[in-house]
Amino acid sequence: MNAKRTRIITLSIFIVLTLCVVLSRFYLNVQSEHWKSKSAAVETAYEKSLLTKATKVDFFYGDEPFQIVYGEDKLGQGVIVWVSDKEVHTEMTTEGFTEAQAREAVLKKDPAFEIERAMPGKLGQEYVWEVFYKKEDDSGTRYFYDYYKFKDGTYLDTYRLSLQ
């Protein structure tokens, strides 16, 4: 009886370890393209902009997909770089509307809005802050995208998604 219990425990440990190895390899394979894309965006930003230190990369999916690279220049000043297949655009964070200001602009409209995220993007030919938020009401949860010019915070548009 004791030998049978030992075999069951050994087999269980082997199965769990095998499962962990298989799942970790699967995760690495799935994520490798994402990580390669981020690395390529950072390298492009280093080559074609003032960026000397990258701190974060986001993905923006609008009319044209962009990788948004956040970081600093050689003087330690904040820089945001939009990288796409067609272009590279750079803005100093001190010369534009900030993420906090974009969030504040949405909350001024209605403090009940719950902001999910705010990130740089591009709407038409304008570089923008895109603020994604939601509001609960009696009919359900409604989601919105507000767009503000990156340079001066001028309100451009709101996209309202259908109820969920």
N, C-alpha and C. Protein backbone atom coordinates (compact mmCIF):
# COMPACT_ATOMS: atom_id res chain seq x y z
N MET A 1 0.82 -1.20 0.00
CA MET A 1 0.00 0.00 0.00
C MET A 1 0.86 1.26 0.00
N ASN A 2 1.96 1.25 0.76
CA ASN A 2 2.87 2.38 0.85
C ASN A 2 3.60 2.61 -0.47
N ALA A 3 3.99 1.57 -1.17
CA ALA A 3 4.66 1.69 -2.47
C ALA A 3 3.70 2.27 -3.51
N LYS A 4 2.44 1.89 -3.42
CA LYS A 4 1.42 2.42 -4.34
C LYS A 4 1.23 3.91 -4.13
N ARG A 5 1.20 4.34 -2.91
CA ARG A 5 1.04 5.76 -2.58
C ARG A 5 2.25 6.55 -3.09
N THR A 6 3.44 6.00 -2.93
CA THR A 6 4.67 6.66 -3.39
C THR A 6 4.65 6.81 -4.91
N ARG A 7 4.20 5.77 -5.64
CA ARG A 7 4.10 5.85 -7.10
C ARG A 7 3.09 6.92 -7.52
N ILE A 8 1.97 6.99 -6.84
CA ILE A 8 0.94 7.98 -7.18
C ILE A 8 1.48 9.39 -6.96
N ILE A 9 2.15 9.61 -5.84
CA ILE A 9 2.72 10.93 -5.55
C ILE A 9 3.79 11.28 -6.58
N THR A 10 4.67 10.33 -6.90
CA THR A 10 5.73 10.57 -7.89
C THR A 10 5.13 10.88 -9.26
N LEU A 11 4.14 10.11 -9.67
CA LEU A 11 3.47 10.34 -10.95
C LEU A 11 2.78 11.70 -10.96
N SER A 12 2.14 12.07 -9.88
CA SER A 12 1.45 13.37 -9.79
C SER A 12 2.45 14.51 -9.91
N ILE A 13 3.58 14.40 -9.22
CA ILE A 13 4.61 15.43 -9.30
C ILE A 13 5.15 15.53 -10.73
N PHE A 14 5.39 14.38 -11.37
CA PHE A 14 5.87 14.37 -12.75
C PHE A 14 4.87 15.05 -13.68
N ILE A 15 3.59 14.75 -13.52
CA ILE A 15 2.55 15.35 -14.37
C ILE A 15 2.48 16.85 -14.16
N VAL A 16 2.51 17.30 -12.91
CA VAL A 16 2.45 18.73 -12.62
C VAL A 16 3.67 19.45 -13.21
N LEU A 17 4.86 18.91 -13.03
CA LEU A 17 6.07 19.53 -13.57
C LEU A 17 6.04 19.58 -15.10
N THR A 18 5.60 18.48 -15.72
CA THR A 18 5.49 18.44 -17.18
C THR A 18 4.50 19.49 -17.67
N LEU A 19 3.38 19.60 -17.00
CA LEU A 19 2.36 20.58 -17.36
C LEU A 19 2.92 22.00 -17.23
N CYS A 20 3.67 22.27 -16.16
CA CYS A 20 4.28 23.59 -15.97
C CYS A 20 5.26 23.92 -17.10
N VAL A 21 6.08 22.96 -17.49
CA VAL A 21 7.05 23.19 -18.56
C VAL A 21 6.33 23.45 -19.88
N VAL A 22 5.32 22.65 -20.19
CA VAL A 22 4.57 22.81 -21.45
C VAL A 22 3.87 24.16 -21.48
N LEU A 23 3.21 24.54 -20.39
CA LEU A 23 2.50 25.82 -20.36
C LEU A 23 3.46 27.00 -20.44
N SER A 24 4.61 26.91 -19.79
CA SER A 24 5.55 28.02 -19.86
C SER A 24 6.12 28.16 -21.27
N ARG A 25 6.41 27.06 -21.94
CA ARG A 25 6.89 27.11 -23.33
C ARG A 25 5.82 27.71 -24.25
N PHE A 26 4.57 27.31 -24.04
CA PHE A 26 3.46 27.86 -24.83
C PHE A 26 3.36 29.37 -24.63
N TYR A 27 3.42 29.83 -23.38
CA TYR A 27 3.35 31.25 -23.07
C TYR A 27 4.50 32.01 -23.76
N LEU A 28 5.70 31.48 -23.66
CA LEU A 28 6.85 32.13 -24.29
C LEU A 28 6.69 32.21 -25.81
N ASN A 29 6.18 31.16 -26.43
CA ASN A 29 5.95 31.18 -27.88
C ASN A 29 4.91 32.21 -28.27
N VAL A 30 3.84 32.28 -27.50
CA VAL A 30 2.76 33.23 -27.80
C VAL A 30 3.26 34.67 -27.64
N GLN A 31 4.03 34.94 -26.60
CA GLN A 31 4.47 36.30 -26.31
C GLN A 31 5.69 36.75 -27.12
N SER A 32 6.42 35.85 -27.71
CA SER A 32 7.67 36.23 -28.37
C SER A 32 7.47 37.26 -29.48
N GLU A 33 6.41 37.14 -30.28
CA GLU A 33 6.16 38.12 -31.35
C GLU A 33 5.87 39.50 -30.76
N HIS A 34 5.10 39.52 -29.68
CA HIS A 34 4.77 40.78 -28.99
C HIS A 34 6.04 41.45 -28.49
N TRP A 35 6.92 40.67 -27.85
CA TRP A 35 8.17 41.21 -27.33
C TRP A 35 9.09 41.67 -28.44
N LYS A 36 9.13 40.93 -29.55
CA LYS A 36 9.95 41.33 -30.69
C LYS A 36 9.47 42.66 -31.26
N SER A 37 8.15 42.81 -31.34
CA SER A 37 7.57 44.05 -31.86
C SER A 37 7.93 45.24 -30.97
N LYS A 38 7.86 45.04 -29.66
CA LYS A 38 8.23 46.11 -28.72
C LYS A 38 9.70 46.46 -28.88
N SER A 39 10.55 45.46 -28.96
CA SER A 39 12.00 45.70 -29.11
C SER A 39 12.31 46.45 -30.41
N ALA A 40 11.64 46.06 -31.49
CA ALA A 40 11.85 46.72 -32.78
C ALA A 40 11.42 48.19 -32.70
N ALA A 41 10.31 48.46 -32.03
CA ALA A 41 9.83 49.84 -31.88
C ALA A 41 10.83 50.67 -31.09
N VAL A 42 11.36 50.12 -30.03
CA VAL A 42 12.35 50.84 -29.21
C VAL A 42 13.61 51.11 -30.04
N GLU A 43 14.08 50.12 -30.78
CA GLU A 43 15.27 50.31 -31.62
C GLU A 43 15.04 51.41 -32.67
N THR A 44 13.87 51.40 -33.29
CA THR A 44 13.53 52.43 -34.28
C THR A 44 13.50 53.80 -33.62
N ALA A 45 12.91 53.87 -32.43
CA ALA A 45 12.84 55.14 -31.70
C ALA A 45 14.24 55.64 -31.35
N TYR A 46 15.13 54.74 -30.95
CA TYR A 46 16.51 55.14 -30.65
C TYR A 46 17.19 55.71 -31.90
N GLU A 47 16.97 55.07 -33.04
CA GLU A 47 17.64 55.47 -34.27
C GLU A 47 17.09 56.77 -34.87
N LYS A 48 15.76 56.98 -34.75
CA LYS A 48 15.13 58.06 -35.51
C LYS A 48 14.52 59.16 -34.65
N SER A 49 14.90 59.23 -33.36
CA SER A 49 14.36 60.28 -32.50
C SER A 49 15.40 60.66 -31.45
N LEU A 50 15.00 61.53 -30.54
CA LEU A 50 15.85 61.99 -29.45
C LEU A 50 15.97 60.97 -28.32
N LEU A 51 15.17 59.93 -28.36
CA LEU A 51 15.08 58.96 -27.27
C LEU A 51 16.42 58.28 -27.01
N THR A 52 16.83 58.28 -25.74
CA THR A 52 18.05 57.57 -25.36
C THR A 52 17.77 56.52 -24.28
N LYS A 53 16.60 56.61 -23.64
CA LYS A 53 16.23 55.63 -22.61
C LYS A 53 14.73 55.37 -22.72
N ALA A 54 14.37 54.13 -23.00
CA ALA A 54 12.95 53.75 -23.10
C ALA A 54 12.50 53.18 -21.76
N THR A 55 11.30 53.58 -21.35
CA THR A 55 10.78 53.08 -20.07
C THR A 55 9.52 52.23 -20.23
N LYS A 56 8.81 52.41 -21.35
CA LYS A 56 7.54 51.70 -21.52
C LYS A 56 7.15 51.74 -22.99
N VAL A 57 6.44 50.70 -23.44
CA VAL A 57 5.92 50.66 -24.81
C VAL A 57 4.45 50.25 -24.74
N ASP A 58 3.58 51.03 -25.39
CA ASP A 58 2.16 50.70 -25.50
C ASP A 58 1.83 50.49 -26.98
N PHE A 59 0.71 49.84 -27.22
CA PHE A 59 0.24 49.65 -28.59
C PHE A 59 -1.05 50.43 -28.78
N PHE A 60 -1.10 51.22 -29.84
CA PHE A 60 -2.29 52.01 -30.19
C PHE A 60 -2.82 51.48 -31.50
N TYR A 61 -4.10 51.14 -31.52
CA TYR A 61 -4.73 50.62 -32.74
C TYR A 61 -5.83 51.57 -33.16
N GLY A 62 -5.51 52.43 -34.11
CA GLY A 62 -6.48 53.35 -34.66
C GLY A 62 -6.57 53.10 -36.16
N ASP A 63 -6.65 54.20 -36.92
CA ASP A 63 -6.63 54.06 -38.38
C ASP A 63 -5.34 53.40 -38.82
N GLU A 64 -4.28 53.71 -38.09
CA GLU A 64 -2.95 53.14 -38.36
C GLU A 64 -2.38 52.68 -37.01
N PRO A 65 -1.89 51.44 -36.93
CA PRO A 65 -1.34 50.98 -35.65
C PRO A 65 0.01 51.63 -35.35
N PHE A 66 0.21 51.99 -34.08
CA PHE A 66 1.44 52.58 -33.60
C PHE A 66 1.92 51.86 -32.36
N GLN A 67 3.23 51.82 -32.20
CA GLN A 67 3.81 51.48 -30.92
C GLN A 67 4.20 52.82 -30.31
N ILE A 68 3.74 53.05 -29.09
CA ILE A 68 4.03 54.30 -28.40
C ILE A 68 5.15 54.01 -27.41
N VAL A 69 6.30 54.66 -27.64
CA VAL A 69 7.47 54.43 -26.80
C VAL A 69 7.65 55.65 -25.89
N TYR A 70 7.64 55.40 -24.60
CA TYR A 70 7.84 56.44 -23.59
C TYR A 70 9.29 56.35 -23.11
N GLY A 71 9.87 57.50 -22.79
CA GLY A 71 11.23 57.46 -22.27
C GLY A 71 11.79 58.84 -22.04
N GLU A 72 13.11 58.93 -22.18
CA GLU A 72 13.82 60.19 -21.91
C GLU A 72 14.86 60.45 -22.99
N ASP A 73 15.21 61.74 -23.12
CA ASP A 73 16.31 62.10 -24.01
C ASP A 73 17.60 62.10 -23.19
N LYS A 74 18.70 62.55 -23.79
CA LYS A 74 19.99 62.50 -23.09
C LYS A 74 20.06 63.45 -21.89
N LEU A 75 19.14 64.42 -21.83
CA LEU A 75 19.11 65.35 -20.70
C LEU A 75 18.14 64.89 -19.60
N GLY A 76 17.50 63.74 -19.83
CA GLY A 76 16.56 63.22 -18.83
C GLY A 76 15.16 63.78 -18.94
N GLN A 77 14.87 64.49 -20.03
CA GLN A 77 13.54 65.06 -20.24
C GLN A 77 12.63 64.00 -20.86
N GLY A 78 11.34 64.05 -20.52
CA GLY A 78 10.38 63.08 -21.01
C GLY A 78 10.14 63.20 -22.51
N VAL A 79 10.10 62.05 -23.17
CA VAL A 79 9.88 61.98 -24.62
C VAL A 79 8.85 60.89 -24.89
N ILE A 80 7.96 61.14 -25.84
CA ILE A 80 7.03 60.12 -26.33
C ILE A 80 7.25 60.00 -27.83
N VAL A 81 7.40 58.76 -28.31
CA VAL A 81 7.66 58.52 -29.73
C VAL A 81 6.58 57.60 -30.29
N TRP A 82 5.93 58.05 -31.36
CA TRP A 82 4.96 57.24 -32.09
C TRP A 82 5.72 56.52 -33.19
N VAL A 83 5.68 55.19 -33.22
CA VAL A 83 6.41 54.42 -34.23
C VAL A 83 5.40 53.57 -35.00
N SER A 84 5.38 53.73 -36.32
CA SER A 84 4.55 52.87 -37.18
C SER A 84 5.41 52.40 -38.34
N ASP A 85 4.80 51.62 -39.23
CA ASP A 85 5.53 51.18 -40.42
C ASP A 85 5.84 52.34 -41.35
N LYS A 86 5.03 53.41 -41.28
CA LYS A 86 5.17 54.52 -42.21
C LYS A 86 5.91 55.73 -41.65
N GLU A 87 5.91 55.88 -40.33
CA GLU A 87 6.47 57.11 -39.77
C GLU A 87 6.95 56.94 -38.34
N VAL A 88 7.77 57.91 -37.93
CA VAL A 88 8.21 58.05 -36.54
C VAL A 88 8.00 59.50 -36.18
N HIS A 89 7.27 59.73 -35.09
CA HIS A 89 6.96 61.10 -34.65
C HIS A 89 7.35 61.23 -33.18
N THR A 90 8.00 62.33 -32.83
CA THR A 90 8.48 62.54 -31.46
C THR A 90 7.90 63.81 -30.87
N GLU A 91 7.52 63.75 -29.61
CA GLU A 91 7.07 64.92 -28.86
C GLU A 91 7.73 64.91 -27.49
N MET A 92 8.09 66.08 -27.02
CA MET A 92 8.59 66.24 -25.66
C MET A 92 7.36 66.32 -24.75
N THR A 93 7.40 65.63 -23.63
CA THR A 93 6.22 65.62 -22.74
C THR A 93 5.95 67.00 -22.16
N THR A 94 6.97 67.82 -22.02
CA THR A 94 6.78 69.16 -21.45
C THR A 94 6.13 70.13 -22.43
N GLU A 95 6.10 69.77 -23.71
CA GLU A 95 5.56 70.66 -24.72
C GLU A 95 4.14 70.31 -25.11
N GLY A 96 3.51 69.40 -24.40
CA GLY A 96 2.17 68.99 -24.76
C GLY A 96 1.26 68.89 -23.56
N PHE A 97 0.04 68.57 -23.84
CA PHE A 97 -0.98 68.27 -22.84
C PHE A 97 -0.54 66.98 -22.16
N THR A 98 -0.71 66.87 -20.86
CA THR A 98 -0.25 65.68 -20.16
C THR A 98 -1.37 64.64 -20.03
N GLU A 99 -0.98 63.43 -19.70
CA GLU A 99 -1.97 62.38 -19.46
C GLU A 99 -2.91 62.79 -18.33
N ALA A 100 -2.36 63.37 -17.28
CA ALA A 100 -3.19 63.80 -16.14
C ALA A 100 -4.21 64.85 -16.58
N GLN A 101 -3.80 65.77 -17.44
CA GLN A 101 -4.72 66.79 -17.93
C GLN A 101 -5.81 66.18 -18.81
N ALA A 102 -5.46 65.18 -19.61
CA ALA A 102 -6.46 64.51 -20.45
C ALA A 102 -7.48 63.79 -19.57
N ARG A 103 -7.01 63.11 -18.55
CA ARG A 103 -7.92 62.43 -17.62
C ARG A 103 -8.83 63.44 -16.91
N GLU A 104 -8.23 64.54 -16.49
CA GLU A 104 -8.98 65.59 -15.81
C GLU A 104 -10.06 66.19 -16.71
N ALA A 105 -9.76 66.36 -17.98
CA ALA A 105 -10.73 66.92 -18.93
C ALA A 105 -11.96 66.02 -19.04
N VAL A 106 -11.75 64.71 -19.02
CA VAL A 106 -12.88 63.77 -19.07
C VAL A 106 -13.69 63.85 -17.80
N LEU A 107 -13.02 63.87 -16.67
CA LEU A 107 -13.73 63.90 -15.38
C LEU A 107 -14.46 65.22 -15.15
N LYS A 108 -14.01 66.30 -15.79
CA LYS A 108 -14.73 67.58 -15.70
C LYS A 108 -16.10 67.47 -16.36
N LYS A 109 -16.19 66.66 -17.41
CA LYS A 109 -17.47 66.46 -18.09
C LYS A 109 -18.46 65.76 -17.17
N ASP A 110 -17.95 64.76 -16.42
CA ASP A 110 -18.80 64.02 -15.48
C ASP A 110 -17.90 63.23 -14.54
N PRO A 111 -17.90 63.58 -13.26
CA PRO A 111 -17.05 62.87 -12.30
C PRO A 111 -17.42 61.39 -12.12
N ALA A 112 -18.59 60.99 -12.60
CA ALA A 112 -19.01 59.58 -12.49
C ALA A 112 -18.33 58.69 -13.52
N PHE A 113 -17.67 59.28 -14.50
CA PHE A 113 -16.96 58.47 -15.49
C PHE A 113 -15.84 57.70 -14.80
N GLU A 114 -15.66 56.44 -15.21
CA GLU A 114 -14.57 55.62 -14.69
C GLU A 114 -13.56 55.42 -15.81
N ILE A 115 -12.40 56.05 -15.67
CA ILE A 115 -11.38 56.01 -16.72
C ILE A 115 -10.65 54.67 -16.68
N GLU A 116 -10.62 54.01 -17.83
CA GLU A 116 -9.94 52.72 -17.96
C GLU A 116 -8.47 52.93 -18.31
N ARG A 117 -8.20 53.86 -19.26
CA ARG A 117 -6.81 54.15 -19.64
C ARG A 117 -6.77 55.44 -20.46
N ALA A 118 -5.58 56.02 -20.50
CA ALA A 118 -5.32 57.18 -21.35
C ALA A 118 -3.96 56.93 -21.99
N MET A 119 -3.90 57.16 -23.29
CA MET A 119 -2.63 56.93 -23.99
C MET A 119 -2.54 57.80 -25.23
N PRO A 120 -1.32 58.08 -25.67
CA PRO A 120 -1.15 58.81 -26.92
C PRO A 120 -1.59 57.96 -28.11
N GLY A 121 -2.03 58.63 -29.15
CA GLY A 121 -2.43 57.94 -30.36
C GLY A 121 -2.46 58.93 -31.52
N LYS A 122 -3.15 58.54 -32.56
CA LYS A 122 -3.28 59.43 -33.72
C LYS A 122 -4.69 59.27 -34.26
N LEU A 123 -5.37 60.39 -34.43
CA LEU A 123 -6.73 60.43 -34.98
C LEU A 123 -6.68 61.28 -36.24
N GLY A 124 -6.88 60.65 -37.39
CA GLY A 124 -6.72 61.37 -38.66
C GLY A 124 -5.28 61.80 -38.80
N GLN A 125 -5.05 63.11 -38.91
CA GLN A 125 -3.69 63.64 -39.02
C GLN A 125 -3.19 64.24 -37.71
N GLU A 126 -4.00 64.14 -36.64
CA GLU A 126 -3.66 64.74 -35.35
C GLU A 126 -3.07 63.72 -34.38
N TYR A 127 -1.99 64.13 -33.70
CA TYR A 127 -1.47 63.33 -32.60
C TYR A 127 -2.29 63.70 -31.38
N VAL A 128 -2.77 62.69 -30.67
CA VAL A 128 -3.79 62.90 -29.66
C VAL A 128 -3.50 62.14 -28.37
N TRP A 129 -4.27 62.51 -27.35
CA TRP A 129 -4.46 61.67 -26.17
C TRP A 129 -5.80 60.99 -26.36
N GLU A 130 -5.81 59.67 -26.26
CA GLU A 130 -7.05 58.90 -26.33
C GLU A 130 -7.38 58.48 -24.90
N VAL A 131 -8.57 58.85 -24.43
CA VAL A 131 -9.00 58.48 -23.08
C VAL A 131 -10.18 57.53 -23.22
N PHE A 132 -10.01 56.32 -22.72
CA PHE A 132 -11.04 55.29 -22.78
C PHE A 132 -11.68 55.21 -21.40
N TYR A 133 -13.01 55.35 -21.35
CA TYR A 133 -13.69 55.36 -20.06
C TYR A 133 -15.08 54.75 -20.18
N LYS A 134 -15.71 54.54 -19.03
CA LYS A 134 -17.05 53.96 -19.04
C LYS A 134 -17.93 54.69 -18.03
N LYS A 135 -19.23 54.51 -18.24
CA LYS A 135 -20.21 55.05 -17.30
C LYS A 135 -21.32 54.02 -17.14
N GLU A 136 -21.64 53.77 -15.88
CA GLU A 136 -22.75 52.88 -15.55
C GLU A 136 -24.01 53.73 -15.44
N ASP A 137 -25.11 53.22 -16.01
CA ASP A 137 -26.41 53.87 -15.77
C ASP A 137 -27.48 52.79 -15.72
N ASP A 138 -28.71 53.19 -15.65
CA ASP A 138 -29.81 52.22 -15.49
C ASP A 138 -29.90 51.23 -16.64
N SER A 139 -29.48 51.66 -17.84
CA SER A 139 -29.61 50.79 -19.00
C SER A 139 -28.39 49.89 -19.19
N GLY A 140 -27.31 50.10 -18.41
CA GLY A 140 -26.13 49.25 -18.53
C GLY A 140 -24.85 50.05 -18.49
N THR A 141 -23.79 49.44 -18.96
CA THR A 141 -22.48 50.09 -19.00
C THR A 141 -22.20 50.56 -20.41
N ARG A 142 -21.86 51.82 -20.54
CA ARG A 142 -21.54 52.39 -21.85
C ARG A 142 -20.07 52.82 -21.84
N TYR A 143 -19.36 52.53 -22.93
CA TYR A 143 -17.94 52.86 -23.06
C TYR A 143 -17.75 53.99 -24.07
N PHE A 144 -16.74 54.82 -23.81
CA PHE A 144 -16.46 55.99 -24.65
C PHE A 144 -14.96 56.13 -24.90
N TYR A 145 -14.64 56.75 -26.03
CA TYR A 145 -13.28 57.20 -26.32
C TYR A 145 -13.36 58.70 -26.55
N ASP A 146 -12.59 59.47 -25.80
CA ASP A 146 -12.45 60.90 -26.05
C ASP A 146 -11.07 61.16 -26.62
N TYR A 147 -10.99 62.13 -27.53
CA TYR A 147 -9.72 62.48 -28.16
C TYR A 147 -9.42 63.96 -27.95
N TYR A 148 -8.19 64.23 -27.49
CA TYR A 148 -7.71 65.58 -27.25
C TYR A 148 -6.39 65.76 -27.96
N LYS A 149 -6.19 66.92 -28.61
CA LYS A 149 -4.92 67.18 -29.29
C LYS A 149 -3.77 67.06 -28.30
N PHE A 150 -2.72 66.39 -28.72
CA PHE A 150 -1.57 66.19 -27.85
C PHE A 150 -0.92 67.52 -27.49
N LYS A 151 -0.80 68.41 -28.46
CA LYS A 151 -0.08 69.67 -28.24
C LYS A 151 -0.75 70.58 -27.22
N ASP A 152 -2.07 70.79 -27.37
CA ASP A 152 -2.71 71.82 -26.53
C ASP A 152 -3.97 71.35 -25.79
N GLY A 153 -4.36 70.10 -25.98
CA GLY A 153 -5.51 69.58 -25.26
C GLY A 153 -6.86 69.96 -25.83
N THR A 154 -6.88 70.52 -27.03
CA THR A 154 -8.14 70.87 -27.65
C THR A 154 -8.98 69.60 -27.84
N TYR A 155 -10.24 69.66 -27.41
CA TYR A 155 -11.15 68.52 -27.57
C TYR A 155 -11.43 68.31 -29.05
N LEU A 156 -11.33 67.06 -29.52
CA LEU A 156 -11.58 66.76 -30.92
C LEU A 156 -12.88 65.99 -31.13
N ASP A 157 -13.06 64.88 -30.40
CA ASP A 157 -14.22 64.03 -30.68
C ASP A 157 -14.44 63.03 -29.55
N THR A 158 -15.66 62.48 -29.52
CA THR A 158 -15.99 61.37 -28.62
C THR A 158 -16.60 60.27 -29.46
N TYR A 159 -16.12 59.05 -29.28
CA TYR A 159 -16.72 57.87 -29.90
C TYR A 159 -17.46 57.13 -28.81
N ARG A 160 -18.72 56.84 -29.04
CA ARG A 160 -19.53 56.14 -28.05
C ARG A 160 -19.78 54.72 -28.55
N LEU A 161 -19.45 53.75 -27.73
CA LEU A 161 -19.67 52.36 -28.10
C LEU A 161 -21.05 51.93 -27.66
N SER A 162 -21.57 50.88 -28.25
CA SER A 162 -22.91 50.41 -27.90
C SER A 162 -22.93 49.85 -26.48
N LEU A 163 -24.12 49.77 -25.92
CA LEU A 163 -24.29 49.26 -24.56
C LEU A 163 -23.87 47.83 -24.42
N GLN A 164 -23.36 47.49 -23.25
CA GLN A 164 -23.00 46.09 -22.96
C GLN A 164 -23.69 45.67 -21.69
